[in-house]
Amino acid sequence: MLAEIFKPLIASPGSVFIRAIIVGGVGVGKTVTAKVFGREIRRIASEKDLDLRYVHINCHRDRTLYEVVSEVVRQIGAPIPVRGLSPREMLLALLNYLEKHEIYVIVALDEFNYFVATEGSEAVYFLIRIYDEYSEVKKRLSYIFISRNASVLSMLDPTTESYILRHMITFEPYTSDELYDILIYRRDLAFYEGTVDDEILRYICLLYTSPSPR
């Protein structure tokens, strides 16, 4: 689904501004999926001589607009001073840098709920509507938002919320069989043969996925 959403970034770079949101509980693979996708789409872009970068930011740590924008600048390696500039000034300088060097960037904002709770609707609006003011330029910045649930978006104004929800991917909790496959794989990597019995793994899976209190 991520590949389908971000396909225009490879097929027609700069033609559209792309954003997607991944929603799911703790431990269902949201972060690792985004990172693997970032690695794979960079590989595909490289084969087409396209300079595509993937930036992953944990908003539990970087919760403010200033911290998020300055971290994007840092990970890109752009020679932009992060002190003495406002987030808007930094982002505009970054867009100029990307244009000058023909770079495209996917920014993943992990634990996005912390950013929304700290900065509110105005900061989110600023990030996702920056191209409204510069509609003629190539769209070199795209986003993946990662959150434990979609309810955090209710803190945003309706226009911003609908703009983000246009491409939503929901990760459901693991079923017992899915969790069993994961534990089998990890057991075989971590333990000597015969150390952990299959029945124990089955019991763990049933215990973990049971609706009753644990």
N, C-alpha and C. Protein backbone atom coordinates (compact mmCIF):
# COMPACT_ATOMS: atom_id res chain seq x y z
N MET A 1 0.83 -1.21 0.00
CA MET A 1 0.00 0.00 0.00
C MET A 1 0.87 1.26 0.00
N LEU A 2 1.96 1.25 0.76
CA LEU A 2 2.88 2.39 0.73
C LEU A 2 3.48 2.58 -0.66
N ALA A 3 3.84 1.47 -1.28
CA ALA A 3 4.42 1.53 -2.62
C ALA A 3 3.43 2.14 -3.61
N GLU A 4 2.17 1.78 -3.48
CA GLU A 4 1.15 2.31 -4.39
C GLU A 4 0.94 3.81 -4.15
N ILE A 5 0.91 4.20 -2.88
CA ILE A 5 0.69 5.60 -2.53
C ILE A 5 1.84 6.49 -3.02
N PHE A 6 3.07 5.98 -2.87
CA PHE A 6 4.25 6.79 -3.20
C PHE A 6 4.78 6.52 -4.61
N LYS A 7 4.04 5.75 -5.38
CA LYS A 7 4.45 5.44 -6.75
C LYS A 7 4.73 6.69 -7.60
N PRO A 8 3.90 7.75 -7.49
CA PRO A 8 4.18 8.96 -8.29
C PRO A 8 5.53 9.59 -8.01
N LEU A 9 6.06 9.36 -6.83
CA LEU A 9 7.36 9.92 -6.48
C LEU A 9 8.46 9.36 -7.37
N ILE A 10 8.28 8.11 -7.81
CA ILE A 10 9.23 7.47 -8.72
C ILE A 10 8.84 7.70 -10.17
N ALA A 11 7.55 7.57 -10.46
CA ALA A 11 7.08 7.66 -11.85
C ALA A 11 7.10 9.09 -12.38
N SER A 12 6.78 10.03 -11.50
CA SER A 12 6.72 11.44 -11.94
C SER A 12 7.20 12.33 -10.81
N PRO A 13 8.50 12.33 -10.53
CA PRO A 13 9.05 13.05 -9.37
C PRO A 13 8.66 14.53 -9.34
N GLY A 14 8.19 14.95 -8.17
CA GLY A 14 7.87 16.35 -7.98
C GLY A 14 6.51 16.79 -8.46
N SER A 15 5.74 15.87 -9.04
CA SER A 15 4.44 16.25 -9.61
C SER A 15 3.36 16.41 -8.54
N VAL A 16 3.45 15.62 -7.48
CA VAL A 16 2.44 15.69 -6.42
C VAL A 16 3.09 15.64 -5.04
N PHE A 17 2.40 16.25 -4.09
CA PHE A 17 2.82 16.20 -2.68
C PHE A 17 2.13 15.00 -2.05
N ILE A 18 2.92 14.07 -1.50
CA ILE A 18 2.37 12.80 -1.02
C ILE A 18 2.46 12.73 0.50
N ARG A 19 1.42 12.24 1.12
CA ARG A 19 1.44 11.99 2.56
C ARG A 19 0.57 10.77 2.85
N ALA A 20 0.99 10.01 3.85
CA ALA A 20 0.25 8.82 4.26
C ALA A 20 0.34 8.72 5.78
N ILE A 21 -0.61 8.04 6.38
CA ILE A 21 -0.56 7.82 7.82
C ILE A 21 -0.71 6.33 8.10
N ILE A 22 0.16 5.82 8.96
CA ILE A 22 0.11 4.43 9.41
C ILE A 22 -0.40 4.42 10.84
N VAL A 23 -1.43 3.62 11.09
CA VAL A 23 -2.06 3.57 12.40
C VAL A 23 -2.08 2.13 12.91
N GLY A 24 -1.76 1.94 14.18
CA GLY A 24 -1.79 0.61 14.76
C GLY A 24 -1.24 0.61 16.17
N GLY A 25 -1.57 -0.41 16.93
CA GLY A 25 -1.14 -0.50 18.32
C GLY A 25 0.36 -0.74 18.46
N VAL A 26 0.80 -0.81 19.71
CA VAL A 26 2.22 -1.02 20.01
C VAL A 26 2.64 -2.41 19.53
N GLY A 27 3.79 -2.49 18.85
CA GLY A 27 4.37 -3.78 18.52
C GLY A 27 3.81 -4.46 17.28
N VAL A 28 3.06 -3.75 16.44
CA VAL A 28 2.49 -4.41 15.26
C VAL A 28 3.33 -4.19 14.00
N GLY A 29 4.45 -3.48 14.14
CA GLY A 29 5.38 -3.37 13.01
C GLY A 29 5.31 -2.09 12.22
N LYS A 30 4.72 -1.04 12.77
CA LYS A 30 4.58 0.22 12.03
C LYS A 30 5.94 0.83 11.70
N THR A 31 6.79 0.94 12.71
CA THR A 31 8.09 1.59 12.53
C THR A 31 8.98 0.80 11.58
N VAL A 32 9.07 -0.50 11.80
CA VAL A 32 9.96 -1.30 10.95
C VAL A 32 9.45 -1.33 9.52
N THR A 33 8.14 -1.33 9.33
CA THR A 33 7.59 -1.30 7.97
C THR A 33 7.98 -0.01 7.27
N ALA A 34 7.83 1.11 7.96
CA ALA A 34 8.19 2.40 7.37
C ALA A 34 9.67 2.45 7.01
N LYS A 35 10.52 1.94 7.90
CA LYS A 35 11.96 1.98 7.64
C LYS A 35 12.36 1.06 6.49
N VAL A 36 11.76 -0.12 6.42
CA VAL A 36 12.05 -1.03 5.31
C VAL A 36 11.56 -0.41 4.00
N PHE A 37 10.38 0.18 4.03
CA PHE A 37 9.87 0.85 2.84
C PHE A 37 10.80 1.97 2.42
N GLY A 38 11.27 2.76 3.39
CA GLY A 38 12.20 3.84 3.08
C GLY A 38 13.47 3.34 2.43
N ARG A 39 13.98 2.23 2.92
CA ARG A 39 15.19 1.64 2.35
C ARG A 39 14.95 1.14 0.93
N GLU A 40 13.82 0.48 0.71
CA GLU A 40 13.53 -0.10 -0.59
C GLU A 40 13.22 0.96 -1.65
N ILE A 41 12.49 1.98 -1.27
CA ILE A 41 12.16 3.00 -2.26
C ILE A 41 13.40 3.83 -2.61
N ARG A 42 14.32 3.95 -1.67
CA ARG A 42 15.59 4.62 -1.98
C ARG A 42 16.39 3.80 -3.00
N ARG A 43 16.35 2.48 -2.82
CA ARG A 43 17.07 1.61 -3.74
C ARG A 43 16.49 1.72 -5.15
N ILE A 44 15.18 1.70 -5.25
CA ILE A 44 14.51 1.81 -6.55
C ILE A 44 14.81 3.17 -7.19
N ALA A 45 14.75 4.23 -6.36
CA ALA A 45 15.03 5.57 -6.87
C ALA A 45 16.47 5.67 -7.38
N SER A 46 17.39 5.05 -6.66
CA SER A 46 18.80 5.09 -7.05
C SER A 46 19.01 4.44 -8.42
N GLU A 47 18.28 3.35 -8.67
CA GLU A 47 18.38 2.67 -9.95
C GLU A 47 17.90 3.56 -11.10
N LYS A 48 17.08 4.56 -10.78
CA LYS A 48 16.58 5.48 -11.79
C LYS A 48 17.29 6.84 -11.71
N ASP A 49 18.46 6.83 -11.03
CA ASP A 49 19.26 8.05 -10.88
C ASP A 49 18.48 9.19 -10.22
N LEU A 50 17.66 8.82 -9.26
CA LEU A 50 16.87 9.80 -8.51
C LEU A 50 17.42 9.87 -7.09
N ASP A 51 17.78 11.06 -6.65
CA ASP A 51 18.31 11.25 -5.29
C ASP A 51 17.15 11.39 -4.31
N LEU A 52 16.78 10.27 -3.71
CA LEU A 52 15.67 10.23 -2.75
C LEU A 52 16.22 9.88 -1.38
N ARG A 53 15.90 10.68 -0.39
CA ARG A 53 16.34 10.44 0.98
C ARG A 53 15.15 10.04 1.84
N TYR A 54 15.44 9.25 2.88
CA TYR A 54 14.41 8.87 3.86
C TYR A 54 14.87 9.36 5.23
N VAL A 55 14.02 10.14 5.87
CA VAL A 55 14.32 10.69 7.19
C VAL A 55 13.30 10.16 8.19
N HIS A 56 13.79 9.56 9.27
CA HIS A 56 12.89 9.01 10.29
C HIS A 56 13.08 9.78 11.59
N ILE A 57 12.00 10.35 12.09
CA ILE A 57 12.07 11.17 13.30
C ILE A 57 11.11 10.62 14.35
N ASN A 58 11.61 10.43 15.55
CA ASN A 58 10.77 9.98 16.67
C ASN A 58 10.24 11.21 17.40
N CYS A 59 8.95 11.44 17.29
CA CYS A 59 8.34 12.63 17.88
C CYS A 59 8.14 12.50 19.39
N HIS A 60 8.41 11.32 19.93
CA HIS A 60 8.45 11.22 21.40
C HIS A 60 9.64 12.00 21.92
N ARG A 61 10.70 12.05 21.11
CA ARG A 61 11.91 12.81 21.47
C ARG A 61 11.85 14.23 20.91
N ASP A 62 11.55 14.34 19.63
CA ASP A 62 11.49 15.65 18.97
C ASP A 62 10.02 16.04 18.81
N ARG A 63 9.50 16.76 19.79
CA ARG A 63 8.06 17.01 19.85
C ARG A 63 7.63 18.35 19.29
N THR A 64 8.57 19.29 19.16
CA THR A 64 8.19 20.63 18.71
C THR A 64 8.46 20.80 17.22
N LEU A 65 7.84 21.79 16.63
CA LEU A 65 8.04 22.07 15.21
C LEU A 65 9.50 22.42 14.94
N TYR A 66 10.10 23.19 15.83
CA TYR A 66 11.51 23.56 15.68
C TYR A 66 12.39 22.32 15.69
N GLU A 67 12.15 21.41 16.62
CA GLU A 67 12.96 20.20 16.72
C GLU A 67 12.79 19.31 15.50
N VAL A 68 11.57 19.20 15.01
CA VAL A 68 11.31 18.35 13.85
C VAL A 68 12.00 18.90 12.60
N VAL A 69 11.83 20.18 12.33
CA VAL A 69 12.43 20.76 11.13
C VAL A 69 13.95 20.74 11.22
N SER A 70 14.51 21.06 12.39
CA SER A 70 15.96 21.06 12.53
C SER A 70 16.53 19.65 12.41
N GLU A 71 15.76 18.63 12.83
CA GLU A 71 16.23 17.25 12.69
C GLU A 71 16.21 16.81 11.22
N VAL A 72 15.21 17.26 10.46
CA VAL A 72 15.20 16.98 9.03
C VAL A 72 16.44 17.60 8.37
N VAL A 73 16.72 18.84 8.71
CA VAL A 73 17.91 19.53 8.18
C VAL A 73 19.17 18.76 8.53
N ARG A 74 19.26 18.31 9.78
CA ARG A 74 20.45 17.59 10.24
C ARG A 74 20.63 16.28 9.50
N GLN A 75 19.55 15.50 9.36
CA GLN A 75 19.68 14.19 8.71
C GLN A 75 19.96 14.33 7.21
N ILE A 76 19.46 15.38 6.59
CA ILE A 76 19.74 15.61 5.18
C ILE A 76 21.18 16.07 4.98
N GLY A 77 21.71 16.74 6.02
CA GLY A 77 23.07 17.27 5.90
C GLY A 77 23.12 18.59 5.18
N ALA A 78 22.00 19.32 5.18
CA ALA A 78 21.96 20.62 4.51
C ALA A 78 22.71 21.66 5.36
N PRO A 79 23.52 22.50 4.73
CA PRO A 79 24.28 23.52 5.46
C PRO A 79 23.42 24.71 5.84
N ILE A 80 22.42 24.45 6.67
CA ILE A 80 21.49 25.48 7.09
C ILE A 80 21.63 25.67 8.60
N PRO A 81 21.87 26.90 9.07
CA PRO A 81 22.00 27.12 10.52
C PRO A 81 20.66 26.89 11.20
N VAL A 82 20.66 26.06 12.23
CA VAL A 82 19.41 25.76 12.94
C VAL A 82 19.19 26.71 14.11
N ARG A 83 20.20 27.48 14.43
CA ARG A 83 20.05 28.47 15.50
C ARG A 83 19.84 29.84 14.87
N GLY A 84 18.93 30.59 15.46
CA GLY A 84 18.67 31.94 14.97
C GLY A 84 17.63 32.01 13.88
N LEU A 85 17.15 30.83 13.40
CA LEU A 85 16.11 30.81 12.37
C LEU A 85 14.83 30.22 12.95
N SER A 86 13.70 30.70 12.48
CA SER A 86 12.42 30.12 12.86
C SER A 86 12.20 28.83 12.09
N PRO A 87 11.30 27.97 12.53
CA PRO A 87 11.01 26.75 11.77
C PRO A 87 10.61 27.05 10.32
N ARG A 88 9.85 28.11 10.12
CA ARG A 88 9.45 28.47 8.76
C ARG A 88 10.67 28.84 7.92
N GLU A 89 11.55 29.65 8.48
CA GLU A 89 12.76 30.05 7.75
C GLU A 89 13.64 28.84 7.43
N MET A 90 13.75 27.93 8.40
CA MET A 90 14.55 26.73 8.17
C MET A 90 13.95 25.87 7.07
N LEU A 91 12.63 25.70 7.10
CA LEU A 91 11.98 24.84 6.11
C LEU A 91 12.07 25.44 4.71
N LEU A 92 11.91 26.74 4.59
CA LEU A 92 12.03 27.38 3.29
C LEU A 92 13.46 27.27 2.76
N ALA A 93 14.44 27.42 3.66
CA ALA A 93 15.84 27.25 3.26
C ALA A 93 16.10 25.81 2.83
N LEU A 94 15.46 24.86 3.52
CA LEU A 94 15.61 23.45 3.16
C LEU A 94 15.01 23.18 1.79
N LEU A 95 13.83 23.72 1.52
CA LEU A 95 13.19 23.52 0.21
C LEU A 95 14.07 24.09 -0.91
N ASN A 96 14.70 25.23 -0.66
CA ASN A 96 15.61 25.81 -1.65
C ASN A 96 16.82 24.90 -1.87
N TYR A 97 17.33 24.33 -0.78
CA TYR A 97 18.48 23.42 -0.87
C TYR A 97 18.11 22.17 -1.67
N LEU A 98 16.92 21.61 -1.40
CA LEU A 98 16.47 20.42 -2.12
C LEU A 98 16.31 20.71 -3.61
N GLU A 99 15.77 21.88 -3.91
CA GLU A 99 15.58 22.28 -5.31
C GLU A 99 16.93 22.44 -6.01
N LYS A 100 17.84 23.10 -5.34
CA LYS A 100 19.15 23.36 -5.94
C LYS A 100 19.91 22.07 -6.23
N HIS A 101 19.77 21.08 -5.34
CA HIS A 101 20.54 19.84 -5.48
C HIS A 101 19.69 18.68 -6.03
N GLU A 102 18.45 18.98 -6.42
CA GLU A 102 17.55 17.99 -7.02
C GLU A 102 17.39 16.76 -6.12
N ILE A 103 17.05 17.02 -4.88
CA ILE A 103 16.86 15.98 -3.87
C ILE A 103 15.37 15.88 -3.52
N TYR A 104 14.90 14.65 -3.32
CA TYR A 104 13.55 14.39 -2.84
C TYR A 104 13.65 13.71 -1.48
N VAL A 105 12.70 13.99 -0.60
CA VAL A 105 12.77 13.48 0.77
C VAL A 105 11.41 12.95 1.22
N ILE A 106 11.45 11.77 1.84
CA ILE A 106 10.28 11.27 2.57
C ILE A 106 10.59 11.40 4.05
N VAL A 107 9.78 12.17 4.76
CA VAL A 107 9.96 12.35 6.20
C VAL A 107 8.93 11.51 6.93
N ALA A 108 9.39 10.58 7.76
CA ALA A 108 8.49 9.77 8.59
C ALA A 108 8.47 10.35 10.00
N LEU A 109 7.31 10.78 10.44
CA LEU A 109 7.15 11.30 11.79
C LEU A 109 6.52 10.22 12.66
N ASP A 110 7.40 9.49 13.36
CA ASP A 110 6.96 8.39 14.22
C ASP A 110 6.45 8.93 15.55
N GLU A 111 5.52 8.20 16.18
CA GLU A 111 4.87 8.68 17.40
C GLU A 111 4.29 10.09 17.16
N PHE A 112 3.64 10.22 16.03
CA PHE A 112 3.11 11.50 15.58
C PHE A 112 2.15 12.12 16.59
N ASN A 113 1.51 11.28 17.39
CA ASN A 113 0.55 11.78 18.38
C ASN A 113 1.20 12.74 19.38
N TYR A 114 2.50 12.51 19.70
CA TYR A 114 3.19 13.41 20.62
C TYR A 114 3.37 14.79 20.00
N PHE A 115 3.66 14.82 18.72
CA PHE A 115 3.83 16.10 18.02
C PHE A 115 2.51 16.87 18.01
N VAL A 116 1.43 16.18 17.69
CA VAL A 116 0.12 16.83 17.63
C VAL A 116 -0.27 17.36 19.01
N ALA A 117 -0.04 16.55 20.06
CA ALA A 117 -0.41 16.96 21.42
C ALA A 117 0.41 18.16 21.88
N THR A 118 1.67 18.25 21.44
CA THR A 118 2.55 19.34 21.86
C THR A 118 2.32 20.61 21.06
N GLU A 119 2.23 20.49 19.74
CA GLU A 119 2.21 21.66 18.88
C GLU A 119 0.83 22.04 18.33
N GLY A 120 -0.07 21.07 18.30
CA GLY A 120 -1.42 21.39 17.87
C GLY A 120 -1.61 21.48 16.36
N SER A 121 -2.80 21.93 15.98
CA SER A 121 -3.22 21.90 14.59
C SER A 121 -2.43 22.85 13.70
N GLU A 122 -2.04 24.01 14.22
CA GLU A 122 -1.38 25.02 13.39
C GLU A 122 -0.04 24.52 12.85
N ALA A 123 0.73 23.82 13.70
CA ALA A 123 2.04 23.32 13.27
C ALA A 123 1.88 22.22 12.22
N VAL A 124 0.89 21.34 12.41
CA VAL A 124 0.65 20.28 11.44
C VAL A 124 0.21 20.89 10.11
N TYR A 125 -0.67 21.88 10.20
CA TYR A 125 -1.13 22.57 8.98
C TYR A 125 0.05 23.18 8.23
N PHE A 126 0.97 23.78 8.97
CA PHE A 126 2.15 24.39 8.35
C PHE A 126 2.96 23.36 7.58
N LEU A 127 3.17 22.18 8.18
CA LEU A 127 3.99 21.15 7.53
C LEU A 127 3.34 20.63 6.25
N ILE A 128 2.05 20.38 6.29
CA ILE A 128 1.43 19.70 5.15
C ILE A 128 0.86 20.64 4.10
N ARG A 129 0.79 21.94 4.41
CA ARG A 129 0.24 22.87 3.43
C ARG A 129 1.28 23.87 2.94
N ILE A 130 2.55 23.58 3.17
CA ILE A 130 3.61 24.50 2.78
C ILE A 130 3.59 24.76 1.27
N TYR A 131 3.19 23.74 0.51
CA TYR A 131 3.22 23.90 -0.95
C TYR A 131 2.03 24.70 -1.47
N ASP A 132 1.07 24.99 -0.61
CA ASP A 132 -0.05 25.83 -1.05
C ASP A 132 0.44 27.22 -1.46
N GLU A 133 1.50 27.69 -0.77
CA GLU A 133 2.05 29.01 -1.06
C GLU A 133 2.99 28.99 -2.25
N TYR A 134 3.50 27.79 -2.55
CA TYR A 134 4.50 27.67 -3.62
C TYR A 134 4.07 26.55 -4.58
N SER A 135 2.91 26.71 -5.15
CA SER A 135 2.31 25.66 -5.97
C SER A 135 3.08 25.39 -7.25
N GLU A 136 3.91 26.35 -7.68
CA GLU A 136 4.62 26.19 -8.95
C GLU A 136 5.89 25.37 -8.82
N VAL A 137 6.39 25.18 -7.60
CA VAL A 137 7.66 24.47 -7.42
C VAL A 137 7.43 22.96 -7.39
N LYS A 138 8.49 22.21 -7.63
CA LYS A 138 8.39 20.76 -7.54
C LYS A 138 8.16 20.34 -6.09
N LYS A 139 7.35 19.30 -5.91
CA LYS A 139 7.04 18.83 -4.57
C LYS A 139 8.12 17.83 -4.14
N ARG A 140 9.11 18.33 -3.43
CA ARG A 140 10.27 17.50 -3.08
C ARG A 140 10.20 16.92 -1.67
N LEU A 141 9.17 17.29 -0.91
CA LEU A 141 9.03 16.83 0.46
C LEU A 141 7.71 16.09 0.62
N SER A 142 7.77 14.85 1.12
CA SER A 142 6.57 14.06 1.36
C SER A 142 6.62 13.49 2.78
N TYR A 143 5.48 13.02 3.27
CA TYR A 143 5.42 12.60 4.67
C TYR A 143 4.77 11.22 4.85
N ILE A 144 5.28 10.51 5.87
CA ILE A 144 4.59 9.35 6.43
C ILE A 144 4.39 9.65 7.91
N PHE A 145 3.15 9.70 8.34
CA PHE A 145 2.85 9.91 9.76
C PHE A 145 2.56 8.54 10.39
N ILE A 146 3.09 8.31 11.58
CA ILE A 146 2.92 7.03 12.26
C ILE A 146 2.34 7.29 13.65
N SER A 147 1.19 6.68 13.94
CA SER A 147 0.53 6.93 15.21
C SER A 147 -0.13 5.66 15.73
N ARG A 148 -0.29 5.59 17.03
CA ARG A 148 -0.93 4.41 17.64
C ARG A 148 -2.41 4.33 17.30
N ASN A 149 -3.04 5.47 17.08
CA ASN A 149 -4.45 5.46 16.67
C ASN A 149 -4.77 6.74 15.92
N ALA A 150 -5.90 6.74 15.26
CA ALA A 150 -6.29 7.89 14.46
C ALA A 150 -7.04 8.93 15.28
N SER A 151 -7.38 8.61 16.52
CA SER A 151 -8.17 9.54 17.33
C SER A 151 -7.41 10.83 17.62
N VAL A 152 -6.08 10.76 17.59
CA VAL A 152 -5.29 11.97 17.86
C VAL A 152 -5.58 13.04 16.81
N LEU A 153 -6.00 12.63 15.63
CA LEU A 153 -6.26 13.59 14.56
C LEU A 153 -7.50 14.44 14.85
N SER A 154 -8.32 14.01 15.81
CA SER A 154 -9.50 14.80 16.17
C SER A 154 -9.10 16.11 16.82
N MET A 155 -7.82 16.22 17.24
CA MET A 155 -7.31 17.45 17.83
C MET A 155 -7.01 18.49 16.75
N LEU A 156 -7.02 18.06 15.48
CA LEU A 156 -6.73 18.96 14.38
C LEU A 156 -8.01 19.59 13.85
N ASP A 157 -7.87 20.68 13.10
CA ASP A 157 -9.06 21.24 12.47
C ASP A 157 -9.51 20.30 11.35
N PRO A 158 -10.79 20.31 10.99
CA PRO A 158 -11.33 19.34 10.03
C PRO A 158 -10.60 19.30 8.70
N THR A 159 -10.15 20.45 8.19
CA THR A 159 -9.46 20.49 6.90
C THR A 159 -8.13 19.75 6.96
N THR A 160 -7.36 20.01 8.02
CA THR A 160 -6.06 19.35 8.19
C THR A 160 -6.25 17.86 8.42
N GLU A 161 -7.24 17.50 9.21
CA GLU A 161 -7.51 16.08 9.49
C GLU A 161 -7.84 15.32 8.20
N SER A 162 -8.71 15.88 7.38
CA SER A 162 -9.09 15.20 6.14
C SER A 162 -7.91 15.11 5.17
N TYR A 163 -7.03 16.10 5.21
CA TYR A 163 -5.87 16.13 4.34
C TYR A 163 -4.91 14.99 4.67
N ILE A 164 -4.81 14.66 5.97
CA ILE A 164 -3.92 13.59 6.40
C ILE A 164 -4.56 12.22 6.19
N LEU A 165 -5.86 12.14 6.44
CA LEU A 165 -6.55 10.85 6.38
C LEU A 165 -6.79 10.33 4.97
N ARG A 166 -6.39 11.08 3.97
CA ARG A 166 -6.64 10.68 2.59
C ARG A 166 -6.01 9.32 2.27
N HIS A 167 -4.83 9.06 2.85
CA HIS A 167 -4.15 7.78 2.66
C HIS A 167 -3.82 7.19 4.03
N MET A 168 -4.71 6.38 4.56
CA MET A 168 -4.50 5.78 5.88
C MET A 168 -4.33 4.27 5.76
N ILE A 169 -3.29 3.75 6.41
CA ILE A 169 -3.02 2.31 6.44
C ILE A 169 -3.15 1.86 7.89
N THR A 170 -4.03 0.90 8.13
CA THR A 170 -4.28 0.43 9.49
C THR A 170 -3.63 -0.94 9.71
N PHE A 171 -2.82 -1.03 10.76
CA PHE A 171 -2.19 -2.30 11.14
C PHE A 171 -3.03 -2.93 12.25
N GLU A 172 -3.66 -4.05 11.95
CA GLU A 172 -4.46 -4.75 12.95
C GLU A 172 -3.55 -5.52 13.91
N PRO A 173 -4.02 -5.80 15.13
CA PRO A 173 -3.21 -6.62 16.06
C PRO A 173 -2.94 -7.99 15.46
N TYR A 174 -1.81 -8.59 15.85
CA TYR A 174 -1.47 -9.92 15.36
C TYR A 174 -2.49 -10.94 15.84
N THR A 175 -2.83 -11.88 14.97
CA THR A 175 -3.62 -13.03 15.39
C THR A 175 -2.70 -14.02 16.09
N SER A 176 -3.28 -15.00 16.72
CA SER A 176 -2.47 -16.01 17.41
C SER A 176 -1.55 -16.75 16.44
N ASP A 177 -2.07 -17.09 15.26
CA ASP A 177 -1.26 -17.80 14.27
C ASP A 177 -0.11 -16.93 13.74
N GLU A 178 -0.38 -15.65 13.52
CA GLU A 178 0.67 -14.75 13.04
C GLU A 178 1.76 -14.60 14.09
N LEU A 179 1.34 -14.45 15.34
CA LEU A 179 2.32 -14.32 16.42
C LEU A 179 3.13 -15.60 16.57
N TYR A 180 2.48 -16.73 16.36
CA TYR A 180 3.18 -18.02 16.45
C TYR A 180 4.27 -18.12 15.38
N ASP A 181 3.97 -17.69 14.16
CA ASP A 181 4.97 -17.70 13.09
C ASP A 181 6.19 -16.85 13.45
N ILE A 182 5.92 -15.68 14.07
CA ILE A 182 7.00 -14.78 14.46
C ILE A 182 7.86 -15.43 15.55
N LEU A 183 7.20 -16.03 16.55
CA LEU A 183 7.94 -16.64 17.66
C LEU A 183 8.75 -17.85 17.20
N ILE A 184 8.19 -18.63 16.27
CA ILE A 184 8.93 -19.76 15.71
C ILE A 184 10.22 -19.27 15.06
N TYR A 185 10.11 -18.24 14.26
CA TYR A 185 11.27 -17.69 13.56
C TYR A 185 12.32 -17.19 14.55
N ARG A 186 11.88 -16.46 15.55
CA ARG A 186 12.83 -15.89 16.50
C ARG A 186 13.41 -16.96 17.43
N ARG A 187 12.58 -17.95 17.77
CA ARG A 187 13.10 -19.04 18.60
C ARG A 187 14.21 -19.78 17.89
N ASP A 188 13.99 -20.05 16.60
CA ASP A 188 15.00 -20.80 15.84
C ASP A 188 16.29 -20.02 15.67
N LEU A 189 16.20 -18.70 15.70
CA LEU A 189 17.40 -17.87 15.63
C LEU A 189 18.14 -17.80 16.96
N ALA A 190 17.37 -17.82 18.06
CA ALA A 190 17.95 -17.49 19.37
C ALA A 190 18.34 -18.70 20.22
N PHE A 191 17.68 -19.84 20.02
CA PHE A 191 17.90 -20.96 20.93
C PHE A 191 18.43 -22.20 20.22
N TYR A 192 19.09 -23.06 20.99
CA TYR A 192 19.48 -24.37 20.48
C TYR A 192 18.23 -25.19 20.20
N GLU A 193 18.32 -26.09 19.23
CA GLU A 193 17.19 -26.93 18.86
C GLU A 193 16.71 -27.74 20.06
N GLY A 194 15.38 -27.74 20.27
CA GLY A 194 14.80 -28.50 21.37
C GLY A 194 14.73 -27.77 22.69
N THR A 195 15.25 -26.54 22.74
CA THR A 195 15.24 -25.79 24.00
C THR A 195 13.85 -25.29 24.37
N VAL A 196 13.13 -24.75 23.38
CA VAL A 196 11.79 -24.21 23.62
C VAL A 196 10.80 -25.00 22.76
N ASP A 197 9.87 -25.67 23.40
CA ASP A 197 8.91 -26.53 22.71
C ASP A 197 7.84 -25.70 21.99
N ASP A 198 7.30 -26.25 20.88
CA ASP A 198 6.25 -25.57 20.12
C ASP A 198 5.03 -25.29 20.98
N GLU A 199 4.72 -26.25 21.90
CA GLU A 199 3.53 -26.07 22.75
C GLU A 199 3.65 -24.84 23.64
N ILE A 200 4.85 -24.54 24.09
CA ILE A 200 5.07 -23.35 24.91
C ILE A 200 4.78 -22.09 24.10
N LEU A 201 5.23 -22.09 22.85
CA LEU A 201 4.99 -20.94 21.99
C LEU A 201 3.50 -20.77 21.71
N ARG A 202 2.80 -21.89 21.50
CA ARG A 202 1.36 -21.83 21.27
C ARG A 202 0.66 -21.23 22.50
N TYR A 203 1.11 -21.66 23.69
CA TYR A 203 0.50 -21.17 24.93
C TYR A 203 0.73 -19.66 25.07
N ILE A 204 1.94 -19.21 24.77
CA ILE A 204 2.27 -17.78 24.84
C ILE A 204 1.36 -16.98 23.90
N CYS A 205 1.18 -17.51 22.67
CA CYS A 205 0.35 -16.80 21.69
C CYS A 205 -1.10 -16.70 22.12
N LEU A 206 -1.63 -17.81 22.64
CA LEU A 206 -3.01 -17.79 23.09
C LEU A 206 -3.19 -16.86 24.28
N LEU A 207 -2.20 -16.85 25.17
CA LEU A 207 -2.25 -15.98 26.35
C LEU A 207 -2.21 -14.52 25.95
N TYR A 208 -1.36 -14.22 24.97
CA TYR A 208 -1.17 -12.84 24.55
C TYR A 208 -2.38 -12.30 23.78
N THR A 209 -2.99 -13.14 22.97
CA THR A 209 -4.11 -12.68 22.13
C THR A 209 -5.47 -12.91 22.76
N SER A 210 -5.49 -13.48 23.95
CA SER A 210 -6.76 -13.73 24.63
C SER A 210 -7.40 -12.40 25.03
N PRO A 211 -8.72 -12.27 24.85
CA PRO A 211 -9.41 -11.03 25.25
C PRO A 211 -9.54 -10.86 26.75
N SER A 212 -9.34 -11.97 27.51
CA SER A 212 -9.47 -11.90 28.95
C SER A 212 -8.26 -11.20 29.57
N PRO A 213 -8.39 -10.59 30.76
CA PRO A 213 -7.27 -9.90 31.39
C PRO A 213 -6.10 -10.83 31.62
N ARG A 214 -4.85 -10.32 31.42
CA ARG A 214 -3.66 -11.14 31.62
C ARG A 214 -2.92 -10.68 32.87
